[in-house]
C-alpha cells in the first residue's frame, strides 16, 4: 500500500470521475486506474463501483476513505512539522487587512515574512473589520489587521499594533479652517463623510456619539479614505479620517483635531483564539508581532 494510491482513491471519491481525478493529481488517467486496482487487490475488496455514469464508493470504499484521508493528513502534518523545525515553513497563508491600514507599513511586514519564508504562498484580502473577523472565525483567514474600537469579538484574540488620532478634514474654504480643533458636538451638527458601518473607524465615531447622546448626520459613506478626503475637498462635508491619512493631503485640505472627547483609532493584529492552525500562520503572527512591537 502506497500513499499515492490513497491519494488517488480520495481524489476519485471526491471528483466521482477517474478523468477529473487524474487531472487533479497531474497524472495520466490509466495510471490512476491501475494504482487503485492494485490497492483493491491488496485489500481483497472492490473500493469503487465503476458500473454507472459516475464512479461511486462501494461499502468497503466508504469504510476505507476516512482512514485514507487521515493517513494523508498525518503525512502532511508531519512534513509541515519538520519544515517548521528546520525553518523551512511551507504552505499557504491568508491575511486580511482593512483599507485604512496606513498606520503601519503593511508591505514591509509582508515582504519581510516572504523573504524569511519563500516557500509560503501569501494571499491578501481587503475588507471591513466586521467581515475580516467573520472570515477569521470561519477559517477563511489565518490572521487579519482590523480596526478595534473595543474588546475583540468572541473567539478572536487581538493585539493592538498601532493607535492613531482621528481628525476632521475640511475644505480650506470652510469657515472653520482658521481653527485648530473641533468638538464632537460641533461635528455632529455638520454633514459627515465617513467609512461605512462595519469598519473600526466608524464604530469609534458611532460609539462616541452614542455615549454623548448625539445623533451624527452622515452625508456620505465610502470605503476608501482617499475618497473621503476628496469629497471633503469638494465642500460636501467634514471627513473623519486617521491622522496618517490626513497627512497625505497636507497643503490641500485642512485637518482639525477632534476634542471633547479625543477620538483615536486602534489597529490590531487578530487571529483565532484557539490559535493558528498551521506553521505558516504561527510564523507569520510571530513575525508581525515582533516587527510591529512598539509601533503603537
Foldseek 3Di string as FASTA:
>chain_A
DDLVLLQLLLLCAVVQDLCRSCVVVVHDSVVNVVSVVVVCVVVVHRQWDPPDPGIHGDPVVVVCNVVSVVVVVVVVQVVQVVCLVVQAHAEEAEEEEEQQPLLDDVVVLVVVLCVSHVRYHYDYYYDAQQVVLVCQVVVVHAKYKAWDQDDDDPQKDKDWLAKFFKWKKAACVDPCLVDAADELQRQQVKAEEEADPRHNVVVLNVVVCVVVVGDRHHDYHDRHLVVQNVCRNVVNIIYIGTPSSVVVCPPGIGIHQYPPPTTMITIIMMHGPVHGDGSSSVVSVVSVCVVSPVSD
